[in-house]
Amino acid sequence: MIRNSAVVLVFIFCLVSCDENRVFDAYKSVPNAWHKDSIISFKINPPDTINPYNLFVNLRNTNAYKYNNLFLIVEMTFPHGKTITDTLEYKMADPSGKLLGTGVTDTKENKLWYKESVVFDEAGTYEVNIQHAMRESGKVNGVIALEGITDVGFRIEKPKPIN
């Protein structure tokens, strides 16, 4: 029994310590479908105001996701009130319709670039808001309930050293 516990502890330690570039990594679940007015928010306290970091939007989706791409509106509010808003498009499937991402089950995980080499030059709490902006071809109104997205995440990493 003690030996099995030790093996489990070593395995968990490896999982946690193997991701040494991670600074912040959190997910929020999307119940049933992602409503067009639903905003997923993350509050972030960067570790410093000097070093650059890479930022990612992370998504988990199932085979119920029926689009080849994904449009997101990502808004970052700085501690002193400045806001930057970006409209982003990500490829979610290859030309044959096969969903991209990692995972062996029907849930795929996608790590999507948001910004590279960002220096959080204001000390304090930043807020990142993520909202989908999907439209169907030829239709003006947005997709009200986007099915197939199960979790939305935000990640901050230290840049990988160049060897």
C-alpha atoms as a PDB file:
ATOM      1  CA  MET A   1       0.000   0.000   0.000  1.00  0.00           C
ATOM      2  CA  ILE A   2       2.774   2.453   0.915  1.00  0.00           C
ATOM      3  CA  ARG A   3       4.717   1.550  -2.223  1.00  0.00           C
ATOM      4  CA  ASN A   4       1.670   2.283  -4.455  1.00  0.00           C
ATOM      5  CA  SER A   5       1.160   5.639  -2.705  1.00  0.00           C
ATOM      6  CA  ALA A   6       4.792   6.546  -3.344  1.00  0.00           C
ATOM      7  CA  VAL A   7       4.442   5.722  -7.051  1.00  0.00           C
ATOM      8  CA  VAL A   8       1.311   7.881  -7.299  1.00  0.00           C
ATOM      9  CA  LEU A   9       3.051  10.803  -5.540  1.00  0.00           C
ATOM     10  CA  VAL A  10       6.059  10.582  -7.872  1.00  0.00           C
ATOM     11  CA  PHE A  11       3.741  10.481 -10.898  1.00  0.00           C
ATOM     12  CA  ILE A  12       1.795  13.565  -9.711  1.00  0.00           C
ATOM     13  CA  PHE A  13       5.051  15.402  -8.966  1.00  0.00           C
ATOM     14  CA  CYS A  14       6.291  14.677 -12.510  1.00  0.00           C
ATOM     15  CA  LEU A  15       3.059  15.935 -14.037  1.00  0.00           C
ATOM     16  CA  VAL A  16       3.230  19.198 -12.113  1.00  0.00           C
ATOM     17  CA  SER A  17       6.973  19.826 -12.396  1.00  0.00           C
ATOM     18  CA  CYS A  18       7.289  18.866 -16.083  1.00  0.00           C
ATOM     19  CA  ASP A  19       5.424  22.041 -17.060  1.00  0.00           C
ATOM     20  CA  GLU A  20       8.116  24.456 -15.878  1.00  0.00           C
ATOM     21  CA  ASN A  21       7.141  27.224 -18.344  1.00  0.00           C
ATOM     22  CA  ARG A  22       3.632  27.576 -16.880  1.00  0.00           C
ATOM     23  CA  VAL A  23       2.962  30.790 -14.962  1.00  0.00           C
ATOM     24  CA  PHE A  24      -0.864  30.747 -15.030  1.00  0.00           C
ATOM     25  CA  ASP A  25      -3.205  28.076 -16.378  1.00  0.00           C
ATOM     26  CA  ALA A  26      -6.922  27.955 -15.588  1.00  0.00           C
ATOM     27  CA  TYR A  27     -10.076  26.650 -17.244  1.00  0.00           C
ATOM     28  CA  LYS A  28     -13.747  27.448 -16.813  1.00  0.00           C
ATOM     29  CA  SER A  29     -16.460  24.998 -17.847  1.00  0.00           C
ATOM     30  CA  VAL A  30     -19.085  25.896 -20.428  1.00  0.00           C
ATOM     31  CA  PRO A  31     -22.400  24.256 -19.493  1.00  0.00           C
ATOM     32  CA  ASN A  32     -24.248  22.686 -22.481  1.00  0.00           C
ATOM     33  CA  ALA A  33     -23.487  25.435 -25.032  1.00  0.00           C
ATOM     34  CA  TRP A  34     -21.547  28.701 -25.022  1.00  0.00           C
ATOM     35  CA  HIS A  35     -24.141  31.489 -25.237  1.00  0.00           C
ATOM     36  CA  LYS A  36     -23.116  34.442 -27.433  1.00  0.00           C
ATOM     37  CA  ASP A  37     -23.548  36.869 -24.523  1.00  0.00           C
ATOM     38  CA  SER A  38     -21.613  34.705 -22.051  1.00  0.00           C
ATOM     39  CA  ILE A  39     -18.191  36.110 -21.200  1.00  0.00           C
ATOM     40  CA  ILE A  40     -15.536  33.866 -19.658  1.00  0.00           C
ATOM     41  CA  SER A  41     -13.341  35.928 -17.304  1.00  0.00           C
ATOM     42  CA  PHE A  42      -9.950  35.345 -15.717  1.00  0.00           C
ATOM     43  CA  LYS A  43      -8.247  37.556 -13.137  1.00  0.00           C
ATOM     44  CA  ILE A  44      -4.469  37.411 -13.389  1.00  0.00           C
ATOM     45  CA  ASN A  45      -1.691  38.671 -11.138  1.00  0.00           C
ATOM     46  CA  PRO A  46       1.495  38.418 -13.218  1.00  0.00           C
ATOM     47  CA  PRO A  47       4.661  37.557 -11.270  1.00  0.00           C
ATOM     48  CA  ASP A  48       6.614  40.635 -12.389  1.00  0.00           C
ATOM     49  CA  THR A  49       6.647  43.759 -14.569  1.00  0.00           C
ATOM     50  CA  ILE A  50       9.932  43.047 -16.343  1.00  0.00           C
ATOM     51  CA  ASN A  51       9.940  39.681 -18.134  1.00  0.00           C
ATOM     52  CA  PRO A  52       8.085  38.812 -21.357  1.00  0.00           C
ATOM     53  CA  TYR A  53       5.430  36.077 -21.399  1.00  0.00           C
ATOM     54  CA  ASN A  54       3.462  34.214 -24.081  1.00  0.00           C
ATOM     55  CA  LEU A  55      -0.328  34.190 -23.754  1.00  0.00           C
ATOM     56  CA  PHE A  56      -2.719  31.497 -24.963  1.00  0.00           C
ATOM     57  CA  VAL A  57      -6.441  30.824 -25.109  1.00  0.00           C
ATOM     58  CA  ASN A  58      -7.039  27.148 -24.351  1.00  0.00           C
ATOM     59  CA  LEU A  59     -10.155  25.318 -25.501  1.00  0.00           C
ATOM     60  CA  ARG A  60     -11.577  21.867 -25.031  1.00  0.00           C
ATOM     61  CA  ASN A  61     -14.120  20.834 -27.619  1.00  0.00           C
ATOM     62  CA  THR A  62     -16.009  17.697 -28.592  1.00  0.00           C
ATOM     63  CA  ASN A  63     -17.175  16.294 -31.922  1.00  0.00           C
ATOM     64  CA  ALA A  64     -20.348  18.364 -31.431  1.00  0.00           C
ATOM     65  CA  TYR A  65     -18.303  21.394 -32.586  1.00  0.00           C
ATOM     66  CA  LYS A  66     -19.438  21.711 -36.198  1.00  0.00           C
ATOM     67  CA  TYR A  67     -17.335  24.566 -37.577  1.00  0.00           C
ATOM     68  CA  ASN A  68     -13.924  24.673 -39.262  1.00  0.00           C
ATOM     69  CA  ASN A  69     -12.925  27.858 -37.487  1.00  0.00           C
ATOM     70  CA  LEU A  70     -13.634  29.854 -34.339  1.00  0.00           C
ATOM     71  CA  PHE A  71     -13.919  33.609 -33.897  1.00  0.00           C
ATOM     72  CA  LEU A  72     -13.214  35.019 -30.443  1.00  0.00           C
ATOM     73  CA  ILE A  73     -13.243  38.474 -28.921  1.00  0.00           C
ATOM     74  CA  VAL A  74     -10.534  38.671 -26.267  1.00  0.00           C
ATOM     75  CA  GLU A  75     -10.339  41.727 -24.065  1.00  0.00           C
ATOM     76  CA  MET A  76      -7.524  42.446 -21.621  1.00  0.00           C
ATOM     77  CA  THR A  77      -8.050  45.131 -18.994  1.00  0.00           C
ATOM     78  CA  PHE A  78      -4.915  46.475 -17.301  1.00  0.00           C
ATOM     79  CA  PRO A  79      -4.752  47.386 -13.585  1.00  0.00           C
ATOM     80  CA  HIS A  80      -4.951  51.131 -14.348  1.00  0.00           C
ATOM     81  CA  GLY A  81      -7.998  50.772 -16.625  1.00  0.00           C
ATOM     82  CA  LYS A  82      -6.574  50.578 -20.156  1.00  0.00           C
ATOM     83  CA  THR A  83      -8.331  47.922 -22.274  1.00  0.00           C
ATOM     84  CA  ILE A  84      -7.098  46.120 -25.382  1.00  0.00           C
ATOM     85  CA  THR A  85      -9.674  44.240 -27.466  1.00  0.00           C
ATOM     86  CA  ASP A  86      -8.765  41.755 -30.195  1.00  0.00           C
ATOM     87  CA  THR A  87     -10.988  39.843 -32.616  1.00  0.00           C
ATOM     88  CA  LEU A  88      -9.242  36.567 -33.372  1.00  0.00           C
ATOM     89  CA  GLU A  89      -9.849  33.697 -35.789  1.00  0.00           C
ATOM     90  CA  TYR A  90      -8.565  30.197 -35.152  1.00  0.00           C
ATOM     91  CA  LYS A  91      -8.592  27.137 -37.398  1.00  0.00           C
ATOM     92  CA  MET A  92     -10.378  24.289 -35.601  1.00  0.00           C
ATOM     93  CA  ALA A  93     -10.526  21.585 -38.316  1.00  0.00           C
ATOM     94  CA  ASP A  94      -8.487  20.447 -41.296  1.00  0.00           C
ATOM     95  CA  PRO A  95      -9.930  20.628 -44.857  1.00  0.00           C
ATOM     96  CA  SER A  96     -11.516  17.175 -44.458  1.00  0.00           C
ATOM     97  CA  GLY A  97     -13.425  18.380 -41.382  1.00  0.00           C
ATOM     98  CA  LYS A  98     -11.314  16.456 -38.843  1.00  0.00           C
ATOM     99  CA  LEU A  99     -11.029  18.479 -35.642  1.00  0.00           C
ATOM    100  CA  LEU A 100      -7.563  19.729 -34.740  1.00  0.00           C
ATOM    101  CA  GLY A 101      -6.093  19.570 -31.267  1.00  0.00           C
ATOM    102  CA  THR A 102      -4.640  16.943 -28.980  1.00  0.00           C
ATOM    103  CA  GLY A 103      -6.425  14.078 -27.327  1.00  0.00           C
ATOM    104  CA  VAL A 104      -7.319  10.490 -28.145  1.00  0.00           C
ATOM    105  CA  THR A 105     -10.990  10.670 -27.110  1.00  0.00           C
ATOM    106  CA  ASP A 106     -13.684  12.811 -28.738  1.00  0.00           C
ATOM    107  CA  THR A 107     -12.553  15.720 -26.551  1.00  0.00           C
ATOM    108  CA  LYS A 108      -9.792  17.732 -28.196  1.00  0.00           C
ATOM    109  CA  GLU A 109      -7.607  20.280 -26.468  1.00  0.00           C
ATOM    110  CA  ASN A 110      -6.437  23.338 -28.396  1.00  0.00           C
ATOM    111  CA  LYS A 111      -3.710  25.738 -27.284  1.00  0.00           C
ATOM    112  CA  LEU A 112      -4.298  28.872 -29.348  1.00  0.00           C
ATOM    113  CA  TRP A 113      -1.747  31.707 -29.564  1.00  0.00           C
ATOM    114  CA  TYR A 114      -3.093  34.997 -28.234  1.00  0.00           C
ATOM    115  CA  LYS A 115      -0.057  37.261 -27.750  1.00  0.00           C
ATOM    116  CA  GLU A 116       3.705  36.733 -27.820  1.00  0.00           C
ATOM    117  CA  SER A 117       6.370  38.332 -25.596  1.00  0.00           C
ATOM    118  CA  VAL A 118       3.972  40.404 -23.497  1.00  0.00           C
ATOM    119  CA  VAL A 119       5.477  42.402 -20.641  1.00  0.00           C
ATOM    120  CA  PHE A 120       2.919  43.116 -17.916  1.00  0.00           C
ATOM    121  CA  ASP A 121       4.318  46.581 -17.259  1.00  0.00           C
ATOM    122  CA  GLU A 122       1.648  47.589 -14.716  1.00  0.00           C
ATOM    123  CA  ALA A 123       1.689  45.960 -11.285  1.00  0.00           C
ATOM    124  CA  GLY A 124      -1.677  44.659 -10.107  1.00  0.00           C
ATOM    125  CA  THR A 125      -4.572  42.531 -11.311  1.00  0.00           C
ATOM    126  CA  TYR A 126      -5.317  42.134 -15.018  1.00  0.00           C
ATOM    127  CA  GLU A 127      -8.636  40.815 -16.289  1.00  0.00           C
ATOM    128  CA  VAL A 128      -9.012  38.756 -19.464  1.00  0.00           C
ATOM    129  CA  ASN A 129     -12.515  38.356 -20.940  1.00  0.00           C
ATOM    130  CA  ILE A 130     -13.211  35.846 -23.714  1.00  0.00           C
ATOM    131  CA  GLN A 131     -16.403  35.724 -25.772  1.00  0.00           C
ATOM    132  CA  HIS A 132     -17.200  33.804 -28.939  1.00  0.00           C
ATOM    133  CA  ALA A 133     -18.158  35.775 -32.051  1.00  0.00           C
ATOM    134  CA  MET A 134     -19.309  32.963 -34.344  1.00  0.00           C
ATOM    135  CA  ARG A 135     -21.577  33.574 -37.334  1.00  0.00           C
ATOM    136  CA  GLU A 136     -22.930  31.094 -39.837  1.00  0.00           C
ATOM    137  CA  SER A 137     -22.124  31.771 -43.495  1.00  0.00           C
ATOM    138  CA  GLY A 138     -24.571  34.166 -45.080  1.00  0.00           C
ATOM    139  CA  LYS A 139     -26.287  35.027 -41.792  1.00  0.00           C
ATOM    140  CA  VAL A 140     -26.076  38.384 -40.045  1.00  0.00           C
ATOM    141  CA  ASN A 141     -26.994  37.300 -36.539  1.00  0.00           C
ATOM    142  CA  GLY A 142     -24.435  35.424 -34.492  1.00  0.00           C
ATOM    143  CA  VAL A 143     -24.649  31.833 -33.331  1.00  0.00           C
ATOM    144  CA  ILE A 144     -26.675  32.136 -30.127  1.00  0.00           C
ATOM    145  CA  ALA A 145     -25.613  28.835 -28.532  1.00  0.00           C
ATOM    146  CA  LEU A 146     -22.251  27.486 -29.709  1.00  0.00           C
ATOM    147  CA  GLU A 147     -22.244  23.734 -29.135  1.00  0.00           C
ATOM    148  CA  GLY A 148     -19.187  21.554 -28.688  1.00  0.00           C
ATOM    149  CA  ILE A 149     -17.004  23.861 -26.582  1.00  0.00           C
ATOM    150  CA  THR A 150     -16.776  22.323 -23.099  1.00  0.00           C
ATOM    151  CA  ASP A 151     -14.077  24.440 -21.437  1.00  0.00           C
ATOM    152  CA  VAL A 152     -12.367  27.778 -22.053  1.00  0.00           C
ATOM    153  CA  GLY A 153      -8.990  28.481 -20.535  1.00  0.00           C
ATOM    154  CA  PHE A 154      -6.275  31.061 -20.369  1.00  0.00           C
ATOM    155  CA  ARG A 155      -2.566  30.325 -20.044  1.00  0.00           C
ATOM    156  CA  ILE A 156       0.569  32.374 -19.461  1.00  0.00           C
ATOM    157  CA  GLU A 157       3.978  30.825 -20.149  1.00  0.00           C
ATOM    158  CA  LYS A 158       7.581  31.880 -19.850  1.00  0.00           C
ATOM    159  CA  PRO A 159       9.050  31.908 -23.365  1.00  0.00           C
ATOM    160  CA  LYS A 160      11.067  28.802 -24.144  1.00  0.00           C
ATOM    161  CA  PRO A 161      14.808  29.522 -24.242  1.00  0.00           C
ATOM    162  CA  ILE A 162      16.368  29.571 -27.698  1.00  0.00           C
ATOM    163  CA  ASN A 163      19.252  27.093 -27.875  1.00  0.00           C
END
